[in-house]
């Protein structure tokens, strides 16, 4: 509680930024699920994309609770409210593990795809990062192993970078397809 109190502003900003980023995960995954693209052709990729919004929403509600109610409880030095909301946030935060596992599956599928938008090595890094975050989370958060926390934070950052690269690659590929369609239709 004291650690958060000493850096309350940073705590709130980081958690609101995380909530915003997780909102983008939700929107992007819903678009992928409804697009009928190569990304959801197999049962495991369809399942992974379906897990993304669930894991993201669980984790997003954690971030919002920590940025608002938890931060307010700390500012008011209200230990009872802090304890209750912290338990809520810890429970919901476990959705993060499922999000990480889903990203690992999606990255693995991309590594094996014939229509890659990221290099194979980058997708494999995404797989390793997703799996490391999946394992690091319980090590750090459930079992209190400091190295586990470091692993999930660092690998989450790498996982997020791969996801951004993947998303931008998909957008570029779609723009290229749309441009080619426009050129054919105007010819």
C-alpha atoms as a PDB file:
ATOM      1  CA  UNK A   1       0.000   0.000   0.000  1.00  0.00           C
ATOM      2  CA  UNK A   2       2.835   2.385   0.855  1.00  0.00           C
ATOM      3  CA  UNK A   3       4.587   1.701  -2.444  1.00  0.00           C
ATOM      4  CA  UNK A   4       1.477   2.818  -4.333  1.00  0.00           C
ATOM      5  CA  UNK A   5       0.979   5.828  -2.039  1.00  0.00           C
ATOM      6  CA  UNK A   6       4.525   7.029  -2.766  1.00  0.00           C
ATOM      7  CA  UNK A   7       3.924   7.001  -6.521  1.00  0.00           C
ATOM      8  CA  UNK A   8       0.165   7.494  -6.724  1.00  0.00           C
ATOM      9  CA  UNK A   9       0.167   9.714  -9.810  1.00  0.00           C
ATOM     10  CA  UNK A  10       2.367   7.344 -11.786  1.00  0.00           C
ATOM     11  CA  UNK A  11       0.239   4.403 -10.579  1.00  0.00           C
ATOM     12  CA  UNK A  12      -2.949   6.042 -11.849  1.00  0.00           C
ATOM     13  CA  UNK A  13      -1.459   7.119 -15.196  1.00  0.00           C
ATOM     14  CA  UNK A  14       0.036   3.683 -15.899  1.00  0.00           C
ATOM     15  CA  UNK A  15      -3.226   1.918 -15.084  1.00  0.00           C
ATOM     16  CA  UNK A  16      -5.374   4.265 -17.193  1.00  0.00           C
ATOM     17  CA  UNK A  17      -2.919   3.826 -20.089  1.00  0.00           C
ATOM     18  CA  UNK A  18      -3.137   0.051 -19.654  1.00  0.00           C
ATOM     19  CA  UNK A  19      -6.947   0.242 -19.664  1.00  0.00           C
ATOM     20  CA  UNK A  20      -6.881   2.245 -22.905  1.00  0.00           C
ATOM     21  CA  UNK A  21      -4.472  -0.210 -24.553  1.00  0.00           C
ATOM     22  CA  UNK A  22      -6.557  -3.173 -23.429  1.00  0.00           C
ATOM     23  CA  UNK A  23      -9.628  -1.502 -24.931  1.00  0.00           C
ATOM     24  CA  UNK A  24      -7.817  -1.550 -28.270  1.00  0.00           C
ATOM     25  CA  UNK A  25      -7.177  -5.278 -27.821  1.00  0.00           C
ATOM     26  CA  UNK A  26     -10.913  -5.794 -27.329  1.00  0.00           C
ATOM     27  CA  UNK A  27     -11.888  -3.797 -30.418  1.00  0.00           C
ATOM     28  CA  UNK A  28      -9.210  -5.355 -32.630  1.00  0.00           C
ATOM     29  CA  UNK A  29     -10.095  -8.888 -31.587  1.00  0.00           C
ATOM     30  CA  UNK A  30     -13.787  -8.320 -32.233  1.00  0.00           C
ATOM     31  CA  UNK A  31     -12.956  -7.015 -35.711  1.00  0.00           C
ATOM     32  CA  UNK A  32     -10.808 -10.087 -36.399  1.00  0.00           C
ATOM     33  CA  UNK A  33     -13.530 -12.423 -35.116  1.00  0.00           C
ATOM     34  CA  UNK A  34     -16.133 -10.915 -37.450  1.00  0.00           C
ATOM     35  CA  UNK A  35     -13.893 -10.471 -40.514  1.00  0.00           C
ATOM     36  CA  UNK A  36     -13.780 -14.124 -41.538  1.00  0.00           C
ATOM     37  CA  UNK A  37     -10.085 -13.859 -42.401  1.00  0.00           C
ATOM     38  CA  UNK A  38      -7.240 -16.382 -42.417  1.00  0.00           C
ATOM     39  CA  UNK A  39      -6.629 -15.448 -38.782  1.00  0.00           C
ATOM     40  CA  UNK A  40      -9.621 -17.461 -37.572  1.00  0.00           C
ATOM     41  CA  UNK A  41      -9.657 -20.376 -40.036  1.00  0.00           C
ATOM     42  CA  UNK A  42      -8.601 -23.033 -37.536  1.00  0.00           C
ATOM     43  CA  UNK A  43     -10.264 -23.903 -34.242  1.00  0.00           C
ATOM     44  CA  UNK A  44      -7.203 -22.977 -32.176  1.00  0.00           C
ATOM     45  CA  UNK A  45      -6.834 -19.532 -33.740  1.00  0.00           C
ATOM     46  CA  UNK A  46     -10.568 -18.884 -33.532  1.00  0.00           C
ATOM     47  CA  UNK A  47     -10.420 -19.876 -29.855  1.00  0.00           C
ATOM     48  CA  UNK A  48      -7.370 -17.697 -29.231  1.00  0.00           C
ATOM     49  CA  UNK A  49      -9.007 -14.666 -30.829  1.00  0.00           C
ATOM     50  CA  UNK A  50     -12.152 -15.336 -28.771  1.00  0.00           C
ATOM     51  CA  UNK A  51     -10.071 -15.428 -25.573  1.00  0.00           C
ATOM     52  CA  UNK A  52      -8.400 -12.073 -26.347  1.00  0.00           C
ATOM     53  CA  UNK A  53     -11.426  -9.851 -25.581  1.00  0.00           C
ATOM     54  CA  UNK A  54     -12.297 -11.853 -22.462  1.00  0.00           C
ATOM     55  CA  UNK A  55      -8.759 -11.670 -21.064  1.00  0.00           C
ATOM     56  CA  UNK A  56      -8.469  -8.022 -22.070  1.00  0.00           C
ATOM     57  CA  UNK A  57     -11.769  -7.069 -20.420  1.00  0.00           C
ATOM     58  CA  UNK A  58     -10.864  -8.877 -17.204  1.00  0.00           C
ATOM     59  CA  UNK A  59      -7.495  -7.136 -17.132  1.00  0.00           C
ATOM     60  CA  UNK A  60      -8.958  -3.779 -18.185  1.00  0.00           C
ATOM     61  CA  UNK A  61     -11.446  -3.817 -15.296  1.00  0.00           C
ATOM     62  CA  UNK A  62      -8.510  -4.543 -13.005  1.00  0.00           C
ATOM     63  CA  UNK A  63      -6.623  -1.534 -14.335  1.00  0.00           C
ATOM     64  CA  UNK A  64      -9.651   0.735 -13.920  1.00  0.00           C
ATOM     65  CA  UNK A  65     -10.286  -0.509 -10.364  1.00  0.00           C
ATOM     66  CA  UNK A  66      -6.643   0.049  -9.463  1.00  0.00           C
ATOM     67  CA  UNK A  67      -6.582   3.519 -11.044  1.00  0.00           C
ATOM     68  CA  UNK A  68      -9.737   4.630  -9.247  1.00  0.00           C
ATOM     69  CA  UNK A  69     -11.003   2.805  -6.178  1.00  0.00           C
ATOM     70  CA  UNK A  70      -7.684   1.321  -5.044  1.00  0.00           C
ATOM     71  CA  UNK A  71      -5.897   4.652  -5.482  1.00  0.00           C
ATOM     72  CA  UNK A  72      -8.707   6.466  -3.623  1.00  0.00           C
ATOM     73  CA  UNK A  73      -8.613   3.945  -0.762  1.00  0.00           C
ATOM     74  CA  UNK A  74      -4.880   4.483  -0.414  1.00  0.00           C
ATOM     75  CA  UNK A  75      -5.268   8.272  -0.455  1.00  0.00           C
ATOM     76  CA  UNK A  76      -7.933   7.994   2.276  1.00  0.00           C
ATOM     77  CA  UNK A  77      -5.800   5.454   4.181  1.00  0.00           C
ATOM     78  CA  UNK A  78      -8.869   3.179   4.200  1.00  0.00           C
ATOM     79  CA  UNK A  79      -7.358  -0.263   4.703  1.00  0.00           C
ATOM     80  CA  UNK A  80     -10.708  -2.111   4.651  1.00  0.00           C
ATOM     81  CA  UNK A  81     -11.708  -0.655   1.276  1.00  0.00           C
ATOM     82  CA  UNK A  82      -8.188  -1.136  -0.080  1.00  0.00           C
ATOM     83  CA  UNK A  83      -8.126  -4.805   0.956  1.00  0.00           C
ATOM     84  CA  UNK A  84     -11.519  -5.528  -0.600  1.00  0.00           C
ATOM     85  CA  UNK A  85     -10.784  -3.831  -3.911  1.00  0.00           C
ATOM     86  CA  UNK A  86      -7.246  -5.181  -4.059  1.00  0.00           C
ATOM     87  CA  UNK A  87      -8.644  -8.720  -3.762  1.00  0.00           C
ATOM     88  CA  UNK A  88     -11.119  -7.941  -6.557  1.00  0.00           C
ATOM     89  CA  UNK A  89      -8.342  -6.549  -8.748  1.00  0.00           C
ATOM     90  CA  UNK A  90      -6.048  -9.506  -8.089  1.00  0.00           C
ATOM     91  CA  UNK A  91      -8.776 -11.949  -9.071  1.00  0.00           C
ATOM     92  CA  UNK A  92      -9.703 -10.126 -12.266  1.00  0.00           C
ATOM     93  CA  UNK A  93      -6.052  -9.629 -13.190  1.00  0.00           C
ATOM     94  CA  UNK A  94      -5.734 -13.363 -13.771  1.00  0.00           C
ATOM     95  CA  UNK A  95      -7.411 -12.711 -17.115  1.00  0.00           C
ATOM     96  CA  UNK A  96      -4.008 -11.389 -18.136  1.00  0.00           C
ATOM     97  CA  UNK A  97      -2.670 -14.957 -18.212  1.00  0.00           C
ATOM     98  CA  UNK A  98      -5.326 -15.969 -20.708  1.00  0.00           C
ATOM     99  CA  UNK A  99      -4.572 -12.929 -22.853  1.00  0.00           C
ATOM    100  CA  UNK A 100      -0.876 -13.892 -22.876  1.00  0.00           C
ATOM    101  CA  UNK A 101      -1.639 -17.477 -23.822  1.00  0.00           C
ATOM    102  CA  UNK A 102      -3.935 -16.305 -26.634  1.00  0.00           C
ATOM    103  CA  UNK A 103      -1.217 -14.011 -28.009  1.00  0.00           C
ATOM    104  CA  UNK A 104       1.250 -16.920 -27.908  1.00  0.00           C
ATOM    105  CA  UNK A 105      -1.154 -19.059 -29.979  1.00  0.00           C
ATOM    106  CA  UNK A 106      -1.794 -16.210 -32.446  1.00  0.00           C
ATOM    107  CA  UNK A 107       1.947 -15.538 -32.806  1.00  0.00           C
ATOM    108  CA  UNK A 108       2.597 -19.256 -33.290  1.00  0.00           C
ATOM    109  CA  UNK A 109       0.003 -19.417 -36.035  1.00  0.00           C
ATOM    110  CA  UNK A 110       1.577 -16.391 -37.684  1.00  0.00           C
ATOM    111  CA  UNK A 111       5.011 -18.067 -37.564  1.00  0.00           C
ATOM    112  CA  UNK A 112       3.564 -21.029 -39.491  1.00  0.00           C
ATOM    113  CA  UNK A 113       1.456 -18.999 -41.930  1.00  0.00           C
ATOM    114  CA  UNK A 114       2.247 -18.717 -45.635  1.00  0.00           C
ATOM    115  CA  UNK A 115       0.860 -15.161 -45.607  1.00  0.00           C
ATOM    116  CA  UNK A 116       3.029 -13.727 -42.832  1.00  0.00           C
ATOM    117  CA  UNK A 117       2.957 -10.038 -42.018  1.00  0.00           C
ATOM    118  CA  UNK A 118       5.823 -10.368 -39.517  1.00  0.00           C
ATOM    119  CA  UNK A 119       9.024 -12.371 -39.996  1.00  0.00           C
ATOM    120  CA  UNK A 120       9.030 -15.898 -38.592  1.00  0.00           C
ATOM    121  CA  UNK A 121      11.678 -15.002 -36.014  1.00  0.00           C
ATOM    122  CA  UNK A 122       9.554 -12.101 -34.752  1.00  0.00           C
ATOM    123  CA  UNK A 123       6.484 -14.298 -34.440  1.00  0.00           C
ATOM    124  CA  UNK A 124       8.524 -16.867 -32.520  1.00  0.00           C
ATOM    125  CA  UNK A 125       9.668 -14.082 -30.189  1.00  0.00           C
ATOM    126  CA  UNK A 126       5.957 -13.267 -29.747  1.00  0.00           C
ATOM    127  CA  UNK A 127       5.291 -16.912 -28.826  1.00  0.00           C
ATOM    128  CA  UNK A 128       8.116 -16.981 -26.281  1.00  0.00           C
ATOM    129  CA  UNK A 129       7.072 -13.618 -24.820  1.00  0.00           C
ATOM    130  CA  UNK A 130       3.442 -14.712 -24.493  1.00  0.00           C
ATOM    131  CA  UNK A 131       4.411 -17.979 -22.820  1.00  0.00           C
ATOM    132  CA  UNK A 132       6.922 -16.243 -20.532  1.00  0.00           C
ATOM    133  CA  UNK A 133       4.291 -13.715 -19.439  1.00  0.00           C
ATOM    134  CA  UNK A 134       1.810 -16.575 -18.932  1.00  0.00           C
ATOM    135  CA  UNK A 135       4.274 -18.368 -16.627  1.00  0.00           C
ATOM    136  CA  UNK A 136       5.741 -15.225 -15.036  1.00  0.00           C
ATOM    137  CA  UNK A 137       2.352 -13.943 -13.875  1.00  0.00           C
ATOM    138  CA  UNK A 138       1.570 -16.729 -11.390  1.00  0.00           C
ATOM    139  CA  UNK A 139       5.200 -16.943 -10.285  1.00  0.00           C
ATOM    140  CA  UNK A 140       5.233 -13.252  -9.406  1.00  0.00           C
ATOM    141  CA  UNK A 141       1.647 -12.603  -8.367  1.00  0.00           C
ATOM    142  CA  UNK A 142       0.570 -15.886  -6.775  1.00  0.00           C
ATOM    143  CA  UNK A 143       3.822 -17.201  -5.371  1.00  0.00           C
ATOM    144  CA  UNK A 144       5.580 -13.889  -4.673  1.00  0.00           C
ATOM    145  CA  UNK A 145       8.717 -14.779  -6.622  1.00  0.00           C
ATOM    146  CA  UNK A 146      10.319 -11.479  -7.602  1.00  0.00           C
ATOM    147  CA  UNK A 147      11.921 -12.884 -10.739  1.00  0.00           C
ATOM    148  CA  UNK A 148       8.469 -13.991 -11.920  1.00  0.00           C
ATOM    149  CA  UNK A 149       7.218 -10.405 -11.718  1.00  0.00           C
ATOM    150  CA  UNK A 150      10.221  -9.183 -13.680  1.00  0.00           C
ATOM    151  CA  UNK A 151       9.630 -11.886 -16.298  1.00  0.00           C
ATOM    152  CA  UNK A 152       5.951 -11.064 -16.797  1.00  0.00           C
ATOM    153  CA  UNK A 153       6.556  -7.314 -16.973  1.00  0.00           C
ATOM    154  CA  UNK A 154       9.455  -7.580 -19.443  1.00  0.00           C
ATOM    155  CA  UNK A 155       7.843 -10.279 -21.571  1.00  0.00           C
ATOM    156  CA  UNK A 156       4.533  -8.372 -21.594  1.00  0.00           C
ATOM    157  CA  UNK A 157       6.363  -5.407 -23.071  1.00  0.00           C
ATOM    158  CA  UNK A 158       7.922  -7.617 -25.776  1.00  0.00           C
ATOM    159  CA  UNK A 159       4.553  -9.285 -26.383  1.00  0.00           C
ATOM    160  CA  UNK A 160       2.911  -5.864 -26.789  1.00  0.00           C
ATOM    161  CA  UNK A 161       5.591  -4.772 -29.270  1.00  0.00           C
ATOM    162  CA  UNK A 162       5.054  -7.926 -31.345  1.00  0.00           C
ATOM    163  CA  UNK A 163       1.286  -7.408 -31.227  1.00  0.00           C
ATOM    164  CA  UNK A 164       1.710  -3.817 -32.438  1.00  0.00           C
ATOM    165  CA  UNK A 165       4.024  -4.964 -35.248  1.00  0.00           C
ATOM    166  CA  UNK A 166       1.542  -7.689 -36.188  1.00  0.00           C
ATOM    167  CA  UNK A 167      -1.400  -5.263 -36.188  1.00  0.00           C
ATOM    168  CA  UNK A 168       0.440  -2.709 -38.309  1.00  0.00           C
ATOM    169  CA  UNK A 169       1.482  -5.483 -40.703  1.00  0.00           C
ATOM    170  CA  UNK A 170      -2.117  -6.622 -41.049  1.00  0.00           C
ATOM    171  CA  UNK A 171      -3.237  -3.043 -41.686  1.00  0.00           C
ATOM    172  CA  UNK A 172      -0.544  -2.553 -44.363  1.00  0.00           C
ATOM    173  CA  UNK A 173      -1.496  -5.840 -46.020  1.00  0.00           C
ATOM    174  CA  UNK A 174      -5.180  -4.882 -46.057  1.00  0.00           C
ATOM    175  CA  UNK A 175      -4.397  -1.436 -47.478  1.00  0.00           C
ATOM    176  CA  UNK A 176      -2.389  -3.157 -50.241  1.00  0.00           C
ATOM    177  CA  UNK A 177      -5.314  -5.475 -51.041  1.00  0.00           C
ATOM    178  CA  UNK A 178      -7.775  -2.558 -51.075  1.00  0.00           C
ATOM    179  CA  UNK A 179      -5.498  -0.524 -53.347  1.00  0.00           C
ATOM    180  CA  UNK A 180      -5.178  -3.463 -55.764  1.00  0.00           C
ATOM    181  CA  UNK A 181      -8.976  -3.914 -55.811  1.00  0.00           C
ATOM    182  CA  UNK A 182      -9.477  -0.205 -56.517  1.00  0.00           C
ATOM    183  CA  UNK A 183      -6.950  -0.299 -59.357  1.00  0.00           C
ATOM    184  CA  UNK A 184      -8.674  -3.316 -60.950  1.00  0.00           C
ATOM    185  CA  UNK A 185     -12.146  -1.808 -60.649  1.00  0.00           C
ATOM    186  CA  UNK A 186     -11.114   1.506 -62.193  1.00  0.00           C
ATOM    187  CA  UNK A 187      -9.288  -0.160 -65.109  1.00  0.00           C
END
